[in-house]
PDB file of N, CA and C in Angstrom:
ATOM      1  N   MET A   1     -19.149 -16.117   1.897  1.00  0.00           N
ATOM      2  CA  MET A   1     -17.936 -15.646   2.533  1.00  0.00           C
ATOM      3  C   MET A   1     -16.881 -15.278   1.494  1.00  0.00           C
ATOM      4  N   ARG A   2     -16.744 -16.089   0.472  1.00  0.00           N
ATOM      5  CA  ARG A   2     -15.768 -15.797  -0.560  1.00  0.00           C
ATOM      6  C   ARG A   2     -16.070 -14.500  -1.279  1.00  0.00           C
ATOM      7  N   SER A   3     -17.331 -14.270  -1.573  1.00  0.00           N
ATOM      8  CA  SER A   3     -17.686 -13.056  -2.296  1.00  0.00           C
ATOM      9  C   SER A   3     -17.412 -11.813  -1.444  1.00  0.00           C
ATOM     10  N   ALA A   4     -17.552 -11.908  -0.132  1.00  0.00           N
ATOM     11  CA  ALA A   4     -17.243 -10.775   0.745  1.00  0.00           C
ATOM     12  C   ALA A   4     -15.749 -10.463   0.690  1.00  0.00           C
ATOM     13  N   PHE A   5     -14.916 -11.495   0.647  1.00  0.00           N
ATOM     14  CA  PHE A   5     -13.470 -11.296   0.551  1.00  0.00           C
ATOM     15  C   PHE A   5     -13.116 -10.677  -0.794  1.00  0.00           C
ATOM     16  N   LYS A   6     -13.748 -11.141  -1.862  1.00  0.00           N
ATOM     17  CA  LYS A   6     -13.495 -10.569  -3.188  1.00  0.00           C
ATOM     18  C   LYS A   6     -13.891  -9.098  -3.234  1.00  0.00           C
ATOM     19  N   LYS A   7     -15.004  -8.758  -2.613  1.00  0.00           N
ATOM     20  CA  LYS A   7     -15.439  -7.358  -2.569  1.00  0.00           C
ATOM     21  C   LYS A   7     -14.439  -6.513  -1.782  1.00  0.00           C
ATOM     22  N   ARG A   8     -13.939  -7.071  -0.698  1.00  0.00           N
ATOM     23  CA  ARG A   8     -12.960  -6.351   0.123  1.00  0.00           C
ATOM     24  C   ARG A   8     -11.659  -6.128  -0.646  1.00  0.00           C
ATOM     25  N   LYS A   9     -11.233  -7.128  -1.410  1.00  0.00           N
ATOM     26  CA  LYS A   9     -10.034  -6.993  -2.233  1.00  0.00           C
ATOM     27  C   LYS A   9     -10.219  -5.915  -3.292  1.00  0.00           C
ATOM     28  N   LEU A  10     -11.366  -5.932  -3.943  1.00  0.00           N
ATOM     29  CA  LEU A  10     -11.661  -4.938  -4.970  1.00  0.00           C
ATOM     30  C   LEU A  10     -11.698  -3.532  -4.367  1.00  0.00           C
ATOM     31  N   LEU A  11     -12.314  -3.405  -3.205  1.00  0.00           N
ATOM     32  CA  LEU A  11     -12.373  -2.118  -2.520  1.00  0.00           C
ATOM     33  C   LEU A  11     -10.969  -1.625  -2.172  1.00  0.00           C
ATOM     34  N   LEU A  12     -10.111  -2.515  -1.704  1.00  0.00           N
ATOM     35  CA  LEU A  12      -8.744  -2.143  -1.359  1.00  0.00           C
ATOM     36  C   LEU A  12      -8.013  -1.602  -2.580  1.00  0.00           C
ATOM     37  N   ARG A  13      -8.124  -2.295  -3.707  1.00  0.00           N
ATOM     38  CA  ARG A  13      -7.466  -1.834  -4.941  1.00  0.00           C
ATOM     39  C   ARG A  13      -7.977  -0.454  -5.349  1.00  0.00           C
ATOM     40  N   LEU A  14      -9.273  -0.270  -5.296  1.00  0.00           N
ATOM     41  CA  LEU A  14      -9.880   1.007  -5.660  1.00  0.00           C
ATOM     42  C   LEU A  14      -9.396   2.131  -4.737  1.00  0.00           C
ATOM     43  N   LEU A  15      -9.394   1.871  -3.437  1.00  0.00           N
ATOM     44  CA  LEU A  15      -9.002   2.898  -2.479  1.00  0.00           C
ATOM     45  C   LEU A  15      -7.525   3.260  -2.574  1.00  0.00           C
ATOM     46  N   VAL A  16      -6.667   2.283  -2.833  1.00  0.00           N
ATOM     47  CA  VAL A  16      -5.238   2.577  -2.997  1.00  0.00           C
ATOM     48  C   VAL A  16      -5.046   3.523  -4.175  1.00  0.00           C
ATOM     49  N   ASN A  17      -5.736   3.257  -5.270  1.00  0.00           N
ATOM     50  CA  ASN A  17      -5.610   4.136  -6.433  1.00  0.00           C
ATOM     51  C   ASN A  17      -6.224   5.504  -6.189  1.00  0.00           C
ATOM     52  N   ARG A  18      -7.381   5.532  -5.583  1.00  0.00           N
ATOM     53  CA  ARG A  18      -8.102   6.794  -5.415  1.00  0.00           C
ATOM     54  C   ARG A  18      -7.526   7.681  -4.308  1.00  0.00           C
ATOM     55  N   PHE A  19      -7.111   7.084  -3.204  1.00  0.00           N
ATOM     56  CA  PHE A  19      -6.719   7.903  -2.066  1.00  0.00           C
ATOM     57  C   PHE A  19      -5.229   7.884  -1.749  1.00  0.00           C
ATOM     58  N   TYR A  20      -4.452   7.030  -2.374  1.00  0.00           N
ATOM     59  CA  TYR A  20      -2.998   7.093  -2.177  1.00  0.00           C
ATOM     60  C   TYR A  20      -2.320   7.549  -3.460  1.00  0.00           C
ATOM     61  N   ASN A  21      -2.454   6.778  -4.514  1.00  0.00           N
ATOM     62  CA  ASN A  21      -1.755   7.104  -5.759  1.00  0.00           C
ATOM     63  C   ASN A  21      -2.171   8.453  -6.334  1.00  0.00           C
ATOM     64  N   ARG A  22      -3.424   8.763  -6.250  1.00  0.00           N
ATOM     65  CA  ARG A  22      -3.925  10.009  -6.837  1.00  0.00           C
ATOM     66  C   ARG A  22      -3.230  11.241  -6.251  1.00  0.00           C
ATOM     67  N   TYR A  23      -2.945  11.219  -4.960  1.00  0.00           N
ATOM     68  CA  TYR A  23      -2.378  12.393  -4.299  1.00  0.00           C
ATOM     69  C   TYR A  23      -0.868  12.319  -4.091  1.00  0.00           C
ATOM     70  N   ARG A  24      -0.269  11.164  -4.294  1.00  0.00           N
ATOM     71  CA  ARG A  24       1.158  11.037  -4.018  1.00  0.00           C
ATOM     72  C   ARG A  24       2.013  10.766  -5.244  1.00  0.00           C
ATOM     73  N   ALA A  25       1.390  10.429  -6.346  1.00  0.00           N
ATOM     74  CA  ALA A  25       2.152  10.213  -7.580  1.00  0.00           C
ATOM     75  C   ALA A  25       2.570  11.578  -8.129  1.00  0.00           C
ATOM     76  N   PRO A  26       3.698  11.699  -8.751  1.00  0.00           N
ATOM     77  CA  PRO A  26       4.646  10.662  -9.145  1.00  0.00           C
ATOM     78  C   PRO A  26       5.699  10.330  -8.088  1.00  0.00           C
ATOM     79  N   GLU A  27       5.722  11.068  -6.952  1.00  0.00           N
ATOM     80  CA  GLU A  27       6.739  10.795  -5.932  1.00  0.00           C
ATOM     81  C   GLU A  27       6.629   9.386  -5.367  1.00  0.00           C
ATOM     82  N   ALA A  28       5.411   8.885  -5.242  1.00  0.00           N
ATOM     83  CA  ALA A  28       5.197   7.526  -4.741  1.00  0.00           C
ATOM     84  C   ALA A  28       3.965   6.938  -5.414  1.00  0.00           C
ATOM     85  N   ARG A  29       4.071   5.677  -5.775  1.00  0.00           N
ATOM     86  CA  ARG A  29       2.945   4.967  -6.376  1.00  0.00           C
ATOM     87  C   ARG A  29       2.943   3.549  -5.812  1.00  0.00           C
ATOM     88  N   ALA A  30       1.791   3.132  -5.290  1.00  0.00           N
ATOM     89  CA  ALA A  30       1.653   1.792  -4.716  1.00  0.00           C
ATOM     90  C   ALA A  30       0.917   0.886  -5.695  1.00  0.00           C
ATOM     91  N   THR A  31       1.444  -0.309  -5.870  1.00  0.00           N
ATOM     92  CA  THR A  31       0.823  -1.326  -6.711  1.00  0.00           C
ATOM     93  C   THR A  31       0.634  -2.573  -5.861  1.00  0.00           C
ATOM     94  N   ILE A  32      -0.583  -3.060  -5.787  1.00  0.00           N
ATOM     95  CA  ILE A  32      -0.855  -4.264  -5.003  1.00  0.00           C
ATOM     96  C   ILE A  32      -0.397  -5.478  -5.801  1.00  0.00           C
ATOM     97  N   LEU A  33       0.490  -6.252  -5.211  1.00  0.00           N
ATOM     98  CA  LEU A  33       1.001  -7.459  -5.864  1.00  0.00           C
ATOM     99  C   LEU A  33       0.231  -8.699  -5.443  1.00  0.00           C
ATOM    100  N   CYS A  34      -0.165  -8.744  -4.178  1.00  0.00           N
ATOM    101  CA  CYS A  34      -0.777  -9.959  -3.650  1.00  0.00           C
ATOM    102  C   CYS A  34      -1.684  -9.612  -2.471  1.00  0.00           C
ATOM    103  N   ILE A  35      -2.855 -10.209  -2.456  1.00  0.00           N
ATOM    104  CA  ILE A  35      -3.764 -10.063  -1.320  1.00  0.00           C
ATOM    105  C   ILE A  35      -4.138 -11.465  -0.862  1.00  0.00           C
ATOM    106  N   ARG A  36      -3.791 -11.772   0.366  1.00  0.00           N
ATOM    107  CA  ARG A  36      -4.128 -13.063   0.970  1.00  0.00           C
ATOM    108  C   ARG A  36      -5.119 -12.822   2.100  1.00  0.00           C
ATOM    109  N   ARG A  37      -5.442 -13.872   2.789  1.00  0.00           N
ATOM    110  CA  ARG A  37      -6.425 -13.809   3.866  1.00  0.00           C
ATOM    111  C   ARG A  37      -6.132 -12.688   4.864  1.00  0.00           C
ATOM    112  N   ASN A  38      -4.889 -12.598   5.331  1.00  0.00           N
ATOM    113  CA  ASN A  38      -4.568 -11.574   6.332  1.00  0.00           C
ATOM    114  C   ASN A  38      -3.328 -10.752   5.973  1.00  0.00           C
ATOM    115  N   ARG A  39      -2.947 -10.770   4.684  1.00  0.00           N
ATOM    116  CA  ARG A  39      -1.716 -10.104   4.277  1.00  0.00           C
ATOM    117  C   ARG A  39      -1.886  -9.428   2.926  1.00  0.00           C
ATOM    118  N   VAL A  40      -1.308  -8.239   2.807  1.00  0.00           N
ATOM    119  CA  VAL A  40      -1.319  -7.489   1.555  1.00  0.00           C
ATOM    120  C   VAL A  40       0.127  -7.125   1.238  1.00  0.00           C
ATOM    121  N   VAL A  41       0.574  -7.460   0.030  1.00  0.00           N
ATOM    122  CA  VAL A  41       1.931  -7.139  -0.402  1.00  0.00           C
ATOM    123  C   VAL A  41       1.839  -6.087  -1.497  1.00  0.00           C
ATOM    124  N   MET A  42       2.589  -4.988  -1.308  1.00  0.00           N
ATOM    125  CA  MET A  42       2.563  -3.895  -2.276  1.00  0.00           C
ATOM    126  C   MET A  42       3.969  -3.536  -2.720  1.00  0.00           C
ATOM    127  N   LEU A  43       4.070  -3.155  -3.981  1.00  0.00           N
ATOM    128  CA  LEU A  43       5.291  -2.590  -4.528  1.00  0.00           C
ATOM    129  C   LEU A  43       5.098  -1.083  -4.522  1.00  0.00           C
ATOM    130  N   VAL A  44       6.016  -0.374  -3.882  1.00  0.00           N
ATOM    131  CA  VAL A  44       5.929   1.082  -3.810  1.00  0.00           C
ATOM    132  C   VAL A  44       7.132   1.640  -4.553  1.00  0.00           C
ATOM    133  N   THR A  45       6.859   2.427  -5.589  1.00  0.00           N
ATOM    134  CA  THR A  45       7.922   2.955  -6.435  1.00  0.00           C
ATOM    135  C   THR A  45       7.851   4.472  -6.491  1.00  0.00           C
ATOM    136  N   GLY A  46       8.966   5.072  -6.875  1.00  0.00           N
ATOM    137  CA  GLY A  46       8.998   6.515  -7.061  1.00  0.00           C
ATOM    138  C   GLY A  46      10.223   7.149  -6.441  1.00  0.00           C
ATOM    139  N   SER A  47      10.322   8.446  -6.615  1.00  0.00           N
ATOM    140  CA  SER A  47      11.493   9.179  -6.133  1.00  0.00           C
ATOM    141  C   SER A  47      11.517   9.318  -4.613  1.00  0.00           C
ATOM    142  N   PHE A  48      10.432   8.985  -3.930  1.00  0.00           N
ATOM    143  CA  PHE A  48      10.409   9.049  -2.467  1.00  0.00           C
ATOM    144  C   PHE A  48      11.495   8.175  -1.866  1.00  0.00           C
ATOM    145  N   CYS A  49      11.911   7.147  -2.588  1.00  0.00           N
ATOM    146  CA  CYS A  49      12.907   6.200  -2.087  1.00  0.00           C
ATOM    147  C   CYS A  49      14.257   6.862  -1.835  1.00  0.00           C
ATOM    148  N   LYS A  50      14.445   8.062  -2.356  1.00  0.00           N
ATOM    149  CA  LYS A  50      15.713   8.763  -2.172  1.00  0.00           C
ATOM    150  C   LYS A  50      15.675   9.697  -0.970  1.00  0.00           C
ATOM    151  N   THR A  51      14.539   9.787  -0.310  1.00  0.00           N
ATOM    152  CA  THR A  51      14.414  10.697   0.826  1.00  0.00           C
ATOM    153  C   THR A  51      14.642   9.953   2.136  1.00  0.00           C
ATOM    154  N   CYS A  52      14.773  10.718   3.208  1.00  0.00           N
ATOM    155  CA  CYS A  52      15.056  10.097   4.503  1.00  0.00           C
ATOM    156  C   CYS A  52      13.814   9.503   5.166  1.00  0.00           C
ATOM    157  N   GLY A  53      12.626   9.913   4.768  1.00  0.00           N
ATOM    158  CA  GLY A  53      11.406   9.423   5.400  1.00  0.00           C
ATOM    159  C   GLY A  53      10.724   8.319   4.618  1.00  0.00           C
ATOM    160  N   VAL A  54      11.486   7.353   4.153  1.00  0.00           N
ATOM    161  CA  VAL A  54      10.955   6.297   3.286  1.00  0.00           C
ATOM    162  C   VAL A  54       9.790   5.564   3.935  1.00  0.00           C
ATOM    163  N   VAL A  55       9.952   5.142   5.167  1.00  0.00           N
ATOM    164  CA  VAL A  55       8.905   4.366   5.830  1.00  0.00           C
ATOM    165  C   VAL A  55       7.650   5.217   6.039  1.00  0.00           C
ATOM    166  N   ASP A  56       7.820   6.515   6.243  1.00  0.00           N
ATOM    167  CA  ASP A  56       6.654   7.398   6.395  1.00  0.00           C
ATOM    168  C   ASP A  56       5.773   7.375   5.153  1.00  0.00           C
ATOM    169  N   TRP A  57       6.389   7.379   3.980  1.00  0.00           N
ATOM    170  CA  TRP A  57       5.618   7.320   2.729  1.00  0.00           C
ATOM    171  C   TRP A  57       4.822   6.018   2.663  1.00  0.00           C
ATOM    172  N   ILE A  58       5.419   4.933   3.122  1.00  0.00           N
ATOM    173  CA  ILE A  58       4.762   3.629   3.050  1.00  0.00           C
ATOM    174  C   ILE A  58       3.675   3.513   4.126  1.00  0.00           C
ATOM    175  N   GLU A  59       3.961   3.971   5.336  1.00  0.00           N
ATOM    176  CA  GLU A  59       2.941   3.944   6.391  1.00  0.00           C
ATOM    177  C   GLU A  59       1.747   4.818   6.030  1.00  0.00           C
ATOM    178  N   ASP A  60       1.985   5.821   5.203  1.00  0.00           N
ATOM    179  CA  ASP A  60       0.912   6.718   4.776  1.00  0.00           C
ATOM    180  C   ASP A  60      -0.172   5.971   3.993  1.00  0.00           C
ATOM    181  N   ILE A  61       0.174   4.834   3.414  1.00  0.00           N
ATOM    182  CA  ILE A  61      -0.836   4.016   2.724  1.00  0.00           C
ATOM    183  C   ILE A  61      -1.919   3.623   3.729  1.00  0.00           C
ATOM    184  N   ALA A  62      -1.498   3.096   4.871  1.00  0.00           N
ATOM    185  CA  ALA A  62      -2.459   2.673   5.899  1.00  0.00           C
ATOM    186  C   ALA A  62      -3.277   3.851   6.416  1.00  0.00           C
ATOM    187  N   PHE A  63      -2.623   4.988   6.648  1.00  0.00           N
ATOM    188  CA  PHE A  63      -3.334   6.169   7.160  1.00  0.00           C
ATOM    189  C   PHE A  63      -4.357   6.694   6.160  1.00  0.00           C
ATOM    190  N   SER A  64      -4.044   6.625   4.876  1.00  0.00           N
ATOM    191  CA  SER A  64      -4.973   7.156   3.870  1.00  0.00           C
ATOM    192  C   SER A  64      -6.187   6.249   3.667  1.00  0.00           C
ATOM    193  N   LEU A  65      -6.077   4.976   4.037  1.00  0.00           N
ATOM    194  CA  LEU A  65      -7.190   4.039   3.857  1.00  0.00           C
ATOM    195  C   LEU A  65      -8.050   3.875   5.112  1.00  0.00           C
ATOM    196  N   LYS A  66      -7.506   4.202   6.265  1.00  0.00           N
ATOM    197  CA  LYS A  66      -8.218   3.998   7.535  1.00  0.00           C
ATOM    198  C   LYS A  66      -9.586   4.686   7.588  1.00  0.00           C
ATOM    199  N   PRO A  67      -9.729   5.945   7.129  1.00  0.00           N
ATOM    200  CA  PRO A  67     -11.053   6.582   7.175  1.00  0.00           C
ATOM    201  C   PRO A  67     -12.104   5.887   6.305  1.00  0.00           C
ATOM    202  N   HIS A  68     -11.657   5.004   5.434  1.00  0.00           N
ATOM    203  CA  HIS A  68     -12.567   4.310   4.524  1.00  0.00           C
ATOM    204  C   HIS A  68     -12.830   2.867   4.951  1.00  0.00           C
ATOM    205  N   GLY A  69     -12.468   2.547   6.201  1.00  0.00           N
ATOM    206  CA  GLY A  69     -12.783   1.240   6.760  1.00  0.00           C
ATOM    207  C   GLY A  69     -11.759   0.156   6.507  1.00  0.00           C
ATOM    208  N   ILE A  70     -10.623   0.493   5.916  1.00  0.00           N
ATOM    209  CA  ILE A  70      -9.563  -0.490   5.675  1.00  0.00           C
ATOM    210  C   ILE A  70      -8.464  -0.244   6.705  1.00  0.00           C
ATOM    211  N   LYS A  71      -8.232  -1.235   7.561  1.00  0.00           N
ATOM    212  CA  LYS A  71      -7.208  -1.107   8.593  1.00  0.00           C
ATOM    213  C   LYS A  71      -6.027  -1.999   8.228  1.00  0.00           C
ATOM    214  N   LEU A  72      -4.908  -1.368   7.936  1.00  0.00           N
ATOM    215  CA  LEU A  72      -3.683  -2.077   7.596  1.00  0.00           C
ATOM    216  C   LEU A  72      -2.613  -1.753   8.627  1.00  0.00           C
ATOM    217  N   LYS A  73      -1.736  -2.728   8.888  1.00  0.00           N
ATOM    218  CA  LYS A  73      -0.593  -2.500   9.765  1.00  0.00           C
ATOM    219  C   LYS A  73       0.656  -2.947   9.022  1.00  0.00           C
ATOM    220  N   LEU A  74       1.601  -2.034   8.877  1.00  0.00           N
ATOM    221  CA  LEU A  74       2.849  -2.340   8.191  1.00  0.00           C
ATOM    222  C   LEU A  74       3.657  -3.321   9.029  1.00  0.00           C
ATOM    223  N   THR A  75       4.038  -4.452   8.426  1.00  0.00           N
ATOM    224  CA  THR A  75       4.798  -5.458   9.165  1.00  0.00           C
ATOM    225  C   THR A  75       6.209  -5.658   8.641  1.00  0.00           C
ATOM    226  N   ASN A  76       6.455  -5.290   7.371  1.00  0.00           N
ATOM    227  CA  ASN A  76       7.782  -5.505   6.805  1.00  0.00           C
ATOM    228  C   ASN A  76       7.993  -4.583   5.610  1.00  0.00           C
ATOM    229  N   VAL A  77       9.208  -4.068   5.485  1.00  0.00           N
ATOM    230  CA  VAL A  77       9.592  -3.251   4.336  1.00  0.00           C
ATOM    231  C   VAL A  77      10.947  -3.746   3.864  1.00  0.00           C
ATOM    232  N   ARG A  78      11.074  -3.922   2.556  1.00  0.00           N
ATOM    233  CA  ARG A  78      12.343  -4.376   1.989  1.00  0.00           C
ATOM    234  C   ARG A  78      12.684  -3.541   0.765  1.00  0.00           C
ATOM    235  N   GLU A  79      13.909  -3.089   0.692  1.00  0.00           N
ATOM    236  CA  GLU A  79      14.358  -2.316  -0.459  1.00  0.00           C
ATOM    237  C   GLU A  79      14.641  -3.257  -1.622  1.00  0.00           C
ATOM    238  N   LEU A  80      14.082  -2.928  -2.784  1.00  0.00           N
ATOM    239  CA  LEU A  80      14.289  -3.755  -3.972  1.00  0.00           C
ATOM    240  C   LEU A  80      15.255  -3.113  -4.954  1.00  0.00           C
ATOM    241  N   GLY A  81      15.476  -1.862  -4.798  1.00  0.00           N
ATOM    242  CA  GLY A  81      16.354  -1.129  -5.701  1.00  0.00           C
ATOM    243  C   GLY A  81      16.313   0.331  -5.329  1.00  0.00           C
ATOM    244  N   ARG A  82      16.885   1.141  -6.181  1.00  0.00           N
ATOM    245  CA  ARG A  82      16.977   2.569  -5.880  1.00  0.00           C
ATOM    246  C   ARG A  82      15.619   3.249  -5.782  1.00  0.00           C
ATOM    247  N   ASP A  83      14.684   2.851  -6.591  1.00  0.00           N
ATOM    248  CA  ASP A  83      13.367   3.495  -6.619  1.00  0.00           C
ATOM    249  C   ASP A  83      12.221   2.537  -6.324  1.00  0.00           C
ATOM    250  N   ALA A  84      12.472   1.487  -5.549  1.00  0.00           N
ATOM    251  CA  ALA A  84      11.405   0.517  -5.286  1.00  0.00           C
ATOM    252  C   ALA A  84      11.551  -0.117  -3.903  1.00  0.00           C
ATOM    253  N   MET A  85      10.407  -0.265  -3.249  1.00  0.00           N
ATOM    254  CA  MET A  85      10.347  -0.917  -1.945  1.00  0.00           C
ATOM    255  C   MET A  85       9.200  -1.923  -1.965  1.00  0.00           C
ATOM    256  N   LEU A  86       9.385  -3.014  -1.261  1.00  0.00           N
ATOM    257  CA  LEU A  86       8.335  -4.010  -1.095  1.00  0.00           C
ATOM    258  C   LEU A  86       7.781  -3.842   0.317  1.00  0.00           C
ATOM    259  N   ALA A  87       6.478  -3.639   0.419  1.00  0.00           N
ATOM    260  CA  ALA A  87       5.842  -3.423   1.721  1.00  0.00           C
ATOM    261  C   ALA A  87       4.836  -4.532   1.987  1.00  0.00           C
ATOM    262  N   VAL A  88       4.875  -5.068   3.185  1.00  0.00           N
ATOM    263  CA  VAL A  88       3.932  -6.107   3.591  1.00  0.00           C
ATOM    264  C   VAL A  88       3.083  -5.549   4.729  1.00  0.00           C
ATOM    265  N   PHE A  89       1.775  -5.636   4.542  1.00  0.00           N
ATOM    266  CA  PHE A  89       0.821  -5.162   5.537  1.00  0.00           C
ATOM    267  C   PHE A  89      -0.007  -6.335   6.036  1.00  0.00           C
ATOM    268  N   ARG A  90      -0.448  -6.241   7.280  1.00  0.00           N
ATOM    269  CA  ARG A  90      -1.412  -7.198   7.821  1.00  0.00           C
ATOM    270  C   ARG A  90      -2.745  -6.468   7.903  1.00  0.00           C
ATOM    271  N   TRP A  91      -3.848  -7.196   7.591  1.00  0.00           N
ATOM    272  CA  TRP A  91      -5.176  -6.568   7.712  1.00  0.00           C
ATOM    273  C   TRP A  91      -6.143  -7.468   8.383  1.00  0.00           C
TER     274      TRP A  91
END
């Protein structure tokens, strides 16, 4: 069971880099800070934070991973500064 969770964590990291960061950087870049049993915490940085659709950029993380079998639901967003947001997802 533990190894399945580790594989899922590794897959999540790979998919965030390949299918979110690759197409949205430099305007937005997601960095996974913490992965727990049912929660994923990400730092999202970039110039997107200055636009009006901030949450759309963050929700796009979940949409970009869904076709690859990762289902995330955004549960909390907190502004950390001018160019940084903390996003909490449930999976």
